[in-house]
Amino acid sequence: MEYNQASESLYVADYSNFRVMHYTLDASSGSIVAGTGLSGIDNAHLTSPVGVYFESLSNSLIIANHLAHNIVRWPLDATNWTLIVGDINGNFGNDSKTLYYPTVVVLDPMGNLYVADRNNQRIQLFMNGQLKGITIAGITSTIGSNSTLLSVPWSVALDNQLNLYVADSANHRVQKFLRY
């Protein structure tokens, strides 16, 4: 879920209905702004979106396309997405270019992308325009509970100094990592 204060708009990833919904302040119903309501890996469909981030610079939604193992950009008023990172065919992986059930994506002021890569037990940083990610929290495919490991990282947030906060769900904690 993402709230755009400037337009008083709320964007909600509708996981089981394969779409992103838009609601305005005080509205009793919403409208579909991304996806069709049908699952698919082609660029007109979403496959169980989890996280959504509104990027005002491009007037687009950045979507964690969970079951397609990728992050996509869906411009508002468009009928399809473009791939940002992950596999375009919906295949999972654990190298620097692939994801395994991403859940949330946020951008910093420089346009760098932070992704909670759930089943790879890591947080990936994709520098603006780069297809290869850098693991900045957790160790790829290694579950654990010490301060360097994660277990099912679900969400990420940045503070105004770009420190990273990770909802480490299976460890029942939130971890803070200093700015990368």
N, C-alpha and C. Protein backbone atom coordinates (compact mmCIF):
# COMPACT_ATOMS: atom_id res chain seq x y z
N MET A 1 0.85 -1.16 0.00
CA MET A 1 0.00 0.00 0.00
C MET A 1 0.90 1.23 0.00
N GLU A 2 0.53 2.20 -0.80
CA GLU A 2 1.32 3.43 -0.93
C GLU A 2 0.36 4.62 -0.97
N TYR A 3 0.65 5.63 -0.16
CA TYR A 3 -0.17 6.83 -0.14
C TYR A 3 0.60 7.97 -0.79
N ASN A 4 -0.03 8.63 -1.76
CA ASN A 4 0.55 9.79 -2.41
C ASN A 4 -0.15 11.02 -1.84
N GLN A 5 0.56 11.74 -0.99
CA GLN A 5 -0.03 12.87 -0.29
C GLN A 5 -0.41 14.00 -1.25
N ALA A 6 0.38 14.23 -2.27
CA ALA A 6 0.11 15.34 -3.19
C ALA A 6 -1.25 15.20 -3.88
N SER A 7 -1.59 13.98 -4.28
CA SER A 7 -2.87 13.78 -4.96
C SER A 7 -3.93 13.15 -4.06
N GLU A 8 -3.56 12.93 -2.78
CA GLU A 8 -4.44 12.27 -1.83
C GLU A 8 -4.96 10.95 -2.40
N SER A 9 -4.03 10.17 -2.93
CA SER A 9 -4.36 8.89 -3.55
C SER A 9 -3.72 7.75 -2.79
N LEU A 10 -4.43 6.66 -2.70
CA LEU A 10 -3.94 5.45 -2.07
C LEU A 10 -3.87 4.36 -3.14
N TYR A 11 -2.72 3.70 -3.23
CA TYR A 11 -2.52 2.60 -4.17
C TYR A 11 -2.36 1.32 -3.35
N VAL A 12 -3.15 0.30 -3.69
CA VAL A 12 -3.18 -0.94 -2.92
C VAL A 12 -2.89 -2.10 -3.84
N ALA A 13 -1.86 -2.89 -3.49
CA ALA A 13 -1.57 -4.13 -4.22
C ALA A 13 -2.62 -5.16 -3.82
N ASP A 14 -3.40 -5.61 -4.77
CA ASP A 14 -4.49 -6.56 -4.56
C ASP A 14 -3.99 -7.94 -4.99
N TYR A 15 -3.28 -8.59 -4.08
CA TYR A 15 -2.54 -9.82 -4.32
C TYR A 15 -3.35 -10.90 -5.04
N SER A 16 -4.47 -11.27 -4.47
CA SER A 16 -5.25 -12.39 -4.99
C SER A 16 -6.05 -12.05 -6.24
N ASN A 17 -6.19 -10.77 -6.53
CA ASN A 17 -6.91 -10.35 -7.73
C ASN A 17 -5.98 -9.85 -8.82
N PHE A 18 -4.67 -9.98 -8.62
CA PHE A 18 -3.66 -9.73 -9.66
C PHE A 18 -3.73 -8.32 -10.24
N ARG A 19 -3.84 -7.33 -9.36
CA ARG A 19 -3.99 -5.95 -9.82
C ARG A 19 -3.56 -4.98 -8.73
N VAL A 20 -3.45 -3.71 -9.10
CA VAL A 20 -3.24 -2.63 -8.15
C VAL A 20 -4.44 -1.70 -8.27
N MET A 21 -5.00 -1.36 -7.12
CA MET A 21 -6.18 -0.51 -7.07
C MET A 21 -5.79 0.91 -6.65
N HIS A 22 -6.56 1.88 -7.11
CA HIS A 22 -6.37 3.29 -6.75
C HIS A 22 -7.62 3.79 -6.05
N TYR A 23 -7.43 4.46 -4.92
CA TYR A 23 -8.53 5.05 -4.17
C TYR A 23 -8.18 6.51 -3.89
N THR A 24 -9.16 7.38 -4.02
CA THR A 24 -8.96 8.78 -3.66
C THR A 24 -9.58 9.01 -2.28
N LEU A 25 -9.17 10.10 -1.66
CA LEU A 25 -9.66 10.44 -0.34
C LEU A 25 -11.18 10.47 -0.32
N ASP A 26 -11.76 9.82 0.66
CA ASP A 26 -13.22 9.77 0.88
C ASP A 26 -13.98 9.00 -0.20
N ALA A 27 -13.29 8.26 -1.06
CA ALA A 27 -13.99 7.47 -2.09
C ALA A 27 -14.53 6.18 -1.47
N SER A 28 -15.68 5.75 -1.93
CA SER A 28 -16.24 4.49 -1.44
C SER A 28 -15.85 3.31 -2.31
N SER A 29 -15.29 3.59 -3.50
CA SER A 29 -14.81 2.51 -4.37
C SER A 29 -13.55 2.98 -5.08
N GLY A 30 -12.86 2.02 -5.64
CA GLY A 30 -11.60 2.34 -6.32
C GLY A 30 -11.64 1.93 -7.77
N SER A 31 -10.49 2.11 -8.43
CA SER A 31 -10.38 1.72 -9.83
C SER A 31 -9.06 0.97 -10.03
N ILE A 32 -9.04 0.10 -11.02
CA ILE A 32 -7.83 -0.66 -11.34
C ILE A 32 -6.88 0.27 -12.10
N VAL A 33 -5.62 0.36 -11.63
CA VAL A 33 -4.63 1.18 -12.32
C VAL A 33 -3.47 0.35 -12.87
N ALA A 34 -3.38 -0.91 -12.47
CA ALA A 34 -2.33 -1.80 -12.99
C ALA A 34 -2.84 -3.23 -12.92
N GLY A 35 -2.57 -4.00 -13.95
CA GLY A 35 -3.05 -5.37 -14.02
C GLY A 35 -4.44 -5.42 -14.62
N THR A 36 -4.91 -6.64 -14.85
CA THR A 36 -6.22 -6.83 -15.47
C THR A 36 -7.20 -7.57 -14.57
N GLY A 37 -6.70 -8.09 -13.46
CA GLY A 37 -7.53 -8.95 -12.64
C GLY A 37 -7.32 -10.42 -12.96
N LEU A 38 -6.51 -10.70 -13.98
CA LEU A 38 -6.15 -12.06 -14.35
C LEU A 38 -4.65 -12.23 -14.20
N SER A 39 -4.22 -13.38 -13.72
CA SER A 39 -2.80 -13.65 -13.52
C SER A 39 -2.10 -13.92 -14.85
N GLY A 40 -0.86 -13.50 -14.95
CA GLY A 40 -0.05 -13.79 -16.13
C GLY A 40 1.32 -13.17 -16.00
N ILE A 41 2.29 -13.69 -16.75
CA ILE A 41 3.63 -13.13 -16.67
C ILE A 41 3.95 -12.19 -17.82
N ASP A 42 3.04 -12.04 -18.79
CA ASP A 42 3.30 -11.08 -19.85
C ASP A 42 3.14 -9.67 -19.30
N ASN A 43 3.54 -8.67 -20.07
CA ASN A 43 3.61 -7.31 -19.53
C ASN A 43 2.27 -6.58 -19.42
N ALA A 44 1.18 -7.26 -19.67
CA ALA A 44 -0.15 -6.67 -19.45
C ALA A 44 -0.78 -7.20 -18.16
N HIS A 45 -0.14 -8.17 -17.53
CA HIS A 45 -0.70 -8.82 -16.35
C HIS A 45 0.27 -8.74 -15.17
N LEU A 46 -0.26 -8.92 -14.00
CA LEU A 46 0.54 -9.05 -12.79
C LEU A 46 0.28 -10.43 -12.20
N THR A 47 1.27 -10.92 -11.45
CA THR A 47 1.13 -12.22 -10.81
C THR A 47 1.30 -12.03 -9.30
N SER A 48 0.20 -11.77 -8.65
CA SER A 48 0.14 -11.59 -7.19
C SER A 48 1.08 -10.48 -6.70
N PRO A 49 0.78 -9.24 -7.07
CA PRO A 49 1.61 -8.12 -6.59
C PRO A 49 1.50 -7.98 -5.08
N VAL A 50 2.61 -7.67 -4.44
CA VAL A 50 2.62 -7.49 -2.99
C VAL A 50 2.90 -6.04 -2.65
N GLY A 51 4.03 -5.54 -3.08
CA GLY A 51 4.41 -4.18 -2.73
C GLY A 51 4.22 -3.23 -3.89
N VAL A 52 3.85 -1.99 -3.57
CA VAL A 52 3.69 -0.97 -4.60
C VAL A 52 4.29 0.34 -4.08
N TYR A 53 5.00 1.03 -4.95
CA TYR A 53 5.64 2.29 -4.60
C TYR A 53 5.32 3.29 -5.71
N PHE A 54 4.81 4.46 -5.33
CA PHE A 54 4.51 5.49 -6.32
C PHE A 54 5.75 6.35 -6.55
N GLU A 55 6.20 6.41 -7.80
CA GLU A 55 7.34 7.24 -8.17
C GLU A 55 6.81 8.48 -8.89
N SER A 56 6.86 9.61 -8.23
CA SER A 56 6.27 10.84 -8.78
C SER A 56 7.03 11.34 -10.01
N LEU A 57 8.34 11.17 -10.04
CA LEU A 57 9.14 11.66 -11.16
C LEU A 57 8.66 11.09 -12.50
N SER A 58 8.34 9.82 -12.54
CA SER A 58 7.87 9.18 -13.77
C SER A 58 6.36 8.95 -13.79
N ASN A 59 5.68 9.37 -12.73
CA ASN A 59 4.24 9.16 -12.59
C ASN A 59 3.91 7.68 -12.83
N SER A 60 4.67 6.83 -12.13
CA SER A 60 4.55 5.38 -12.30
C SER A 60 4.45 4.67 -10.97
N LEU A 61 3.94 3.47 -11.04
CA LEU A 61 3.97 2.58 -9.90
C LEU A 61 5.11 1.59 -10.10
N ILE A 62 5.89 1.40 -9.05
CA ILE A 62 6.93 0.38 -9.04
C ILE A 62 6.34 -0.77 -8.23
N ILE A 63 6.24 -1.94 -8.83
CA ILE A 63 5.48 -3.03 -8.25
C ILE A 63 6.36 -4.26 -8.03
N ALA A 64 6.28 -4.81 -6.81
CA ALA A 64 6.90 -6.10 -6.53
C ALA A 64 5.93 -7.17 -7.02
N ASN A 65 6.23 -7.70 -8.19
CA ASN A 65 5.39 -8.69 -8.87
C ASN A 65 5.78 -10.06 -8.31
N HIS A 66 5.25 -10.34 -7.15
CA HIS A 66 5.69 -11.41 -6.25
C HIS A 66 5.89 -12.77 -6.91
N LEU A 67 4.86 -13.34 -7.48
CA LEU A 67 4.97 -14.70 -8.02
C LEU A 67 5.64 -14.75 -9.39
N ALA A 68 5.92 -13.58 -9.98
CA ALA A 68 6.68 -13.53 -11.23
C ALA A 68 8.15 -13.24 -10.96
N HIS A 69 8.51 -13.05 -9.69
CA HIS A 69 9.90 -12.88 -9.28
C HIS A 69 10.58 -11.69 -9.95
N ASN A 70 9.84 -10.57 -10.08
CA ASN A 70 10.45 -9.39 -10.68
C ASN A 70 9.85 -8.10 -10.12
N ILE A 71 10.50 -7.00 -10.46
CA ILE A 71 10.04 -5.66 -10.11
C ILE A 71 9.75 -4.96 -11.43
N VAL A 72 8.55 -4.38 -11.53
CA VAL A 72 8.14 -3.77 -12.78
C VAL A 72 7.70 -2.32 -12.57
N ARG A 73 7.76 -1.55 -13.64
CA ARG A 73 7.28 -0.16 -13.64
C ARG A 73 6.02 -0.10 -14.48
N TRP A 74 4.94 0.40 -13.88
CA TRP A 74 3.67 0.53 -14.58
C TRP A 74 3.28 2.00 -14.56
N PRO A 75 3.50 2.74 -15.66
CA PRO A 75 3.08 4.14 -15.70
C PRO A 75 1.57 4.27 -15.52
N LEU A 76 1.15 5.25 -14.76
CA LEU A 76 -0.29 5.47 -14.60
C LEU A 76 -0.87 5.79 -15.97
N ASP A 77 -2.05 5.32 -16.22
CA ASP A 77 -2.75 5.46 -17.50
C ASP A 77 -2.15 4.60 -18.61
N ALA A 78 -1.25 3.66 -18.27
CA ALA A 78 -0.70 2.74 -19.27
C ALA A 78 -1.44 1.41 -19.17
N THR A 79 -1.24 0.56 -20.15
CA THR A 79 -1.87 -0.76 -20.14
C THR A 79 -0.87 -1.89 -19.96
N ASN A 80 0.39 -1.53 -19.69
CA ASN A 80 1.38 -2.58 -19.47
C ASN A 80 2.57 -2.04 -18.69
N TRP A 81 3.44 -2.97 -18.31
CA TRP A 81 4.61 -2.62 -17.52
C TRP A 81 5.89 -2.84 -18.32
N THR A 82 6.98 -2.28 -17.78
CA THR A 82 8.33 -2.58 -18.26
C THR A 82 9.11 -3.17 -17.10
N LEU A 83 10.01 -4.06 -17.41
CA LEU A 83 10.81 -4.72 -16.39
C LEU A 83 11.87 -3.76 -15.85
N ILE A 84 12.01 -3.74 -14.54
CA ILE A 84 13.11 -3.00 -13.91
C ILE A 84 14.21 -3.97 -13.53
N VAL A 85 13.88 -4.98 -12.71
CA VAL A 85 14.85 -6.01 -12.33
C VAL A 85 14.13 -7.35 -12.17
N GLY A 86 14.89 -8.41 -12.22
CA GLY A 86 14.35 -9.76 -12.12
C GLY A 86 14.23 -10.37 -13.51
N ASP A 87 13.62 -11.53 -13.55
CA ASP A 87 13.50 -12.27 -14.80
C ASP A 87 12.20 -11.92 -15.51
N ILE A 88 12.27 -11.56 -16.78
CA ILE A 88 11.09 -11.17 -17.55
C ILE A 88 10.13 -12.34 -17.77
N ASN A 89 10.64 -13.56 -17.70
CA ASN A 89 9.81 -14.75 -17.92
C ASN A 89 9.23 -15.33 -16.63
N GLY A 90 9.49 -14.67 -15.51
CA GLY A 90 8.91 -15.11 -14.25
C GLY A 90 9.68 -16.22 -13.54
N ASN A 91 10.94 -16.41 -13.92
CA ASN A 91 11.75 -17.44 -13.28
C ASN A 91 12.48 -16.87 -12.06
N PHE A 92 12.56 -17.65 -11.00
CA PHE A 92 13.27 -17.20 -9.81
C PHE A 92 14.74 -17.58 -9.90
N GLY A 93 15.54 -16.93 -9.07
CA GLY A 93 16.96 -17.22 -9.01
C GLY A 93 17.58 -16.54 -7.81
N ASN A 94 18.88 -16.79 -7.61
CA ASN A 94 19.56 -16.19 -6.46
C ASN A 94 20.88 -15.51 -6.83
N ASP A 95 21.04 -15.16 -8.11
CA ASP A 95 22.23 -14.41 -8.49
C ASP A 95 21.94 -12.92 -8.37
N SER A 96 22.86 -12.09 -8.82
CA SER A 96 22.72 -10.64 -8.65
C SER A 96 21.65 -10.01 -9.54
N LYS A 97 21.15 -10.74 -10.52
CA LYS A 97 20.15 -10.20 -11.44
C LYS A 97 18.74 -10.77 -11.22
N THR A 98 18.61 -11.78 -10.36
CA THR A 98 17.31 -12.43 -10.20
C THR A 98 16.81 -12.30 -8.76
N LEU A 99 15.52 -12.57 -8.60
CA LEU A 99 14.85 -12.48 -7.31
C LEU A 99 14.06 -13.76 -7.07
N TYR A 100 13.66 -13.95 -5.81
CA TYR A 100 12.89 -15.13 -5.44
C TYR A 100 11.80 -14.68 -4.46
N TYR A 101 10.62 -14.39 -4.99
CA TYR A 101 9.47 -13.86 -4.27
C TYR A 101 9.75 -12.50 -3.62
N PRO A 102 10.01 -11.47 -4.42
CA PRO A 102 10.17 -10.13 -3.84
C PRO A 102 8.85 -9.65 -3.25
N THR A 103 8.95 -8.92 -2.14
CA THR A 103 7.73 -8.49 -1.45
C THR A 103 7.54 -6.98 -1.44
N VAL A 104 8.60 -6.23 -1.29
CA VAL A 104 8.47 -4.77 -1.17
C VAL A 104 9.62 -4.10 -1.88
N VAL A 105 9.33 -2.93 -2.41
CA VAL A 105 10.35 -2.13 -3.09
C VAL A 105 10.19 -0.67 -2.64
N VAL A 106 11.32 -0.02 -2.37
CA VAL A 106 11.32 1.42 -2.10
C VAL A 106 12.47 2.05 -2.88
N LEU A 107 12.32 3.32 -3.15
CA LEU A 107 13.37 4.07 -3.84
C LEU A 107 13.90 5.14 -2.92
N ASP A 108 15.19 5.43 -3.05
CA ASP A 108 15.76 6.56 -2.31
C ASP A 108 15.74 7.79 -3.22
N PRO A 109 16.12 8.96 -2.72
CA PRO A 109 16.05 10.18 -3.53
C PRO A 109 16.91 10.16 -4.80
N MET A 110 17.91 9.27 -4.88
CA MET A 110 18.75 9.16 -6.06
C MET A 110 18.20 8.17 -7.09
N GLY A 111 17.07 7.55 -6.78
CA GLY A 111 16.48 6.58 -7.69
C GLY A 111 17.00 5.17 -7.53
N ASN A 112 17.77 4.91 -6.47
CA ASN A 112 18.24 3.56 -6.20
C ASN A 112 17.10 2.75 -5.62
N LEU A 113 17.06 1.48 -5.96
CA LEU A 113 15.96 0.59 -5.63
C LEU A 113 16.37 -0.40 -4.55
N TYR A 114 15.59 -0.50 -3.49
CA TYR A 114 15.82 -1.45 -2.40
C TYR A 114 14.70 -2.48 -2.45
N VAL A 115 15.06 -3.76 -2.49
CA VAL A 115 14.07 -4.83 -2.66
C VAL A 115 14.20 -5.84 -1.53
N ALA A 116 13.08 -6.15 -0.86
CA ALA A 116 13.04 -7.27 0.07
C ALA A 116 12.86 -8.53 -0.77
N ASP A 117 13.92 -9.31 -0.87
CA ASP A 117 13.95 -10.53 -1.69
C ASP A 117 13.71 -11.72 -0.75
N ARG A 118 12.44 -11.96 -0.47
CA ARG A 118 11.99 -12.83 0.61
C ARG A 118 12.66 -14.20 0.67
N ASN A 119 12.53 -15.00 -0.37
CA ASN A 119 13.03 -16.37 -0.28
C ASN A 119 14.53 -16.49 -0.50
N ASN A 120 15.18 -15.41 -0.90
CA ASN A 120 16.64 -15.40 -0.94
C ASN A 120 17.23 -14.88 0.36
N GLN A 121 16.37 -14.50 1.32
CA GLN A 121 16.79 -14.08 2.66
C GLN A 121 17.73 -12.89 2.62
N ARG A 122 17.40 -11.91 1.75
CA ARG A 122 18.32 -10.78 1.58
C ARG A 122 17.57 -9.52 1.19
N ILE A 123 18.27 -8.41 1.32
CA ILE A 123 17.81 -7.13 0.80
C ILE A 123 18.78 -6.77 -0.31
N GLN A 124 18.23 -6.53 -1.50
CA GLN A 124 19.04 -6.19 -2.66
C GLN A 124 18.94 -4.68 -2.94
N LEU A 125 20.07 -4.09 -3.24
CA LEU A 125 20.14 -2.70 -3.68
C LEU A 125 20.51 -2.69 -5.15
N PHE A 126 19.66 -2.07 -5.95
CA PHE A 126 19.93 -1.89 -7.37
C PHE A 126 20.17 -0.40 -7.58
N MET A 127 21.41 -0.05 -7.87
CA MET A 127 21.74 1.35 -8.12
C MET A 127 20.95 1.81 -9.34
N ASN A 128 20.60 3.07 -9.37
CA ASN A 128 19.76 3.63 -10.43
C ASN A 128 20.24 3.19 -11.81
N GLY A 129 19.37 2.51 -12.55
CA GLY A 129 19.67 2.08 -13.91
C GLY A 129 20.45 0.78 -14.02
N GLN A 130 20.81 0.16 -12.91
CA GLN A 130 21.61 -1.07 -12.94
C GLN A 130 20.72 -2.31 -12.85
N LEU A 131 21.10 -3.36 -13.55
CA LEU A 131 20.36 -4.61 -13.52
C LEU A 131 20.92 -5.60 -12.51
N LYS A 132 22.15 -5.37 -12.06
CA LYS A 132 22.78 -6.23 -11.07
C LYS A 132 22.61 -5.60 -9.69
N GLY A 133 22.12 -6.42 -8.76
CA GLY A 133 21.92 -5.95 -7.40
C GLY A 133 23.10 -6.25 -6.51
N ILE A 134 23.15 -5.55 -5.40
CA ILE A 134 24.16 -5.74 -4.36
C ILE A 134 23.41 -6.17 -3.10
N THR A 135 23.82 -7.25 -2.49
CA THR A 135 23.19 -7.68 -1.24
C THR A 135 23.72 -6.78 -0.12
N ILE A 136 22.81 -6.03 0.50
CA ILE A 136 23.23 -5.10 1.56
C ILE A 136 22.76 -5.53 2.94
N ALA A 137 21.92 -6.54 3.02
CA ALA A 137 21.50 -7.11 4.31
C ALA A 137 21.16 -8.57 4.07
N GLY A 138 21.56 -9.41 5.02
CA GLY A 138 21.36 -10.85 4.88
C GLY A 138 22.45 -11.47 4.04
N ILE A 139 22.40 -12.77 3.94
CA ILE A 139 23.31 -13.54 3.10
C ILE A 139 22.44 -14.41 2.20
N THR A 140 22.66 -14.32 0.91
CA THR A 140 21.83 -15.00 -0.07
C THR A 140 21.61 -16.46 0.28
N SER A 141 20.34 -16.85 0.35
CA SER A 141 19.89 -18.23 0.57
C SER A 141 20.30 -18.81 1.92
N THR A 142 20.64 -17.94 2.88
CA THR A 142 21.05 -18.40 4.21
C THR A 142 20.09 -17.84 5.25
N ILE A 143 19.35 -18.72 5.91
CA ILE A 143 18.41 -18.31 6.94
C ILE A 143 19.14 -18.29 8.28
N GLY A 144 18.85 -17.29 9.10
CA GLY A 144 19.45 -17.24 10.42
C GLY A 144 18.88 -16.12 11.25
N SER A 145 19.33 -16.08 12.51
CA SER A 145 18.79 -15.10 13.43
C SER A 145 19.85 -14.19 14.06
N ASN A 146 21.11 -14.36 13.66
CA ASN A 146 22.10 -13.43 14.21
C ASN A 146 21.98 -12.08 13.49
N SER A 147 22.78 -11.12 13.87
CA SER A 147 22.63 -9.75 13.35
C SER A 147 22.96 -9.60 11.87
N THR A 148 23.61 -10.58 11.27
CA THR A 148 23.95 -10.47 9.85
C THR A 148 23.03 -11.29 8.95
N LEU A 149 22.12 -12.05 9.56
CA LEU A 149 21.24 -12.92 8.78
C LEU A 149 19.78 -12.51 8.92
N LEU A 150 18.99 -12.91 7.94
CA LEU A 150 17.56 -12.64 7.94
C LEU A 150 16.80 -13.95 7.77
N SER A 151 15.53 -13.92 8.14
CA SER A 151 14.67 -15.06 7.91
C SER A 151 13.31 -14.54 7.44
N VAL A 152 13.09 -14.64 6.15
CA VAL A 152 11.88 -14.17 5.48
C VAL A 152 11.71 -12.66 5.63
N PRO A 153 12.66 -11.89 5.09
CA PRO A 153 12.50 -10.43 5.14
C PRO A 153 11.27 -10.01 4.35
N TRP A 154 10.39 -9.24 4.97
CA TRP A 154 9.11 -8.95 4.35
C TRP A 154 8.98 -7.51 3.87
N SER A 155 9.57 -6.57 4.59
CA SER A 155 9.38 -5.17 4.24
C SER A 155 10.65 -4.39 4.52
N VAL A 156 10.79 -3.27 3.83
CA VAL A 156 11.93 -2.37 4.04
C VAL A 156 11.43 -0.93 4.08
N ALA A 157 12.16 -0.10 4.80
CA ALA A 157 11.87 1.33 4.84
C ALA A 157 13.19 2.06 5.04
N LEU A 158 13.23 3.29 4.59
CA LEU A 158 14.41 4.14 4.74
C LEU A 158 14.03 5.35 5.59
N ASP A 159 14.94 5.79 6.44
CA ASP A 159 14.69 7.04 7.15
C ASP A 159 15.33 8.18 6.37
N ASN A 160 15.26 9.39 6.89
CA ASN A 160 15.75 10.55 6.14
C ASN A 160 17.27 10.58 6.00
N GLN A 161 17.98 9.72 6.70
CA GLN A 161 19.43 9.60 6.53
C GLN A 161 19.80 8.35 5.74
N LEU A 162 18.81 7.71 5.16
CA LEU A 162 18.93 6.50 4.34
C LEU A 162 19.42 5.28 5.10
N ASN A 163 19.17 5.26 6.42
CA ASN A 163 19.35 4.02 7.16
C ASN A 163 18.21 3.10 6.76
N LEU A 164 18.51 1.83 6.73
CA LEU A 164 17.56 0.83 6.25
C LEU A 164 16.95 0.07 7.42
N TYR A 165 15.63 -0.07 7.40
CA TYR A 165 14.90 -0.85 8.40
C TYR A 165 14.27 -2.03 7.69
N VAL A 166 14.48 -3.22 8.24
CA VAL A 166 14.00 -4.45 7.63
C VAL A 166 13.06 -5.17 8.59
N ALA A 167 11.85 -5.45 8.13
CA ALA A 167 10.92 -6.29 8.87
C ALA A 167 11.34 -7.74 8.59
N ASP A 168 12.02 -8.32 9.55
CA ASP A 168 12.58 -9.67 9.45
C ASP A 168 11.53 -10.62 10.04
N SER A 169 10.55 -11.00 9.24
CA SER A 169 9.30 -11.56 9.76
C SER A 169 9.44 -12.87 10.53
N ALA A 170 10.19 -13.82 10.04
CA ALA A 170 10.28 -15.10 10.74
C ALA A 170 11.13 -15.00 12.01
N ASN A 171 11.91 -13.94 12.14
CA ASN A 171 12.66 -13.69 13.37
C ASN A 171 11.91 -12.75 14.32
N HIS A 172 10.74 -12.29 13.90
CA HIS A 172 9.88 -11.44 14.74
C HIS A 172 10.62 -10.20 15.24
N ARG A 173 11.26 -9.51 14.30
CA ARG A 173 12.03 -8.33 14.69
C ARG A 173 12.12 -7.36 13.52
N VAL A 174 12.51 -6.14 13.85
CA VAL A 174 12.87 -5.13 12.85
C VAL A 174 14.34 -4.83 13.09
N GLN A 175 15.13 -4.93 12.03
CA GLN A 175 16.56 -4.64 12.14
C GLN A 175 16.88 -3.32 11.45
N LYS A 176 17.80 -2.59 12.03
CA LYS A 176 18.28 -1.34 11.44
C LYS A 176 19.68 -1.58 10.90
N PHE A 177 19.89 -1.17 9.64
CA PHE A 177 21.21 -1.25 9.02
C PHE A 177 21.60 0.17 8.63
N LEU A 178 22.81 0.55 8.97
CA LEU A 178 23.28 1.89 8.66
C LEU A 178 23.37 2.09 7.16
N ARG A 179 23.27 3.33 6.76
CA ARG A 179 23.30 3.70 5.34
C ARG A 179 24.41 2.97 4.61
N TYR A 180 24.06 2.45 3.43
CA TYR A 180 25.03 1.69 2.64
C TYR A 180 25.95 2.63 1.92
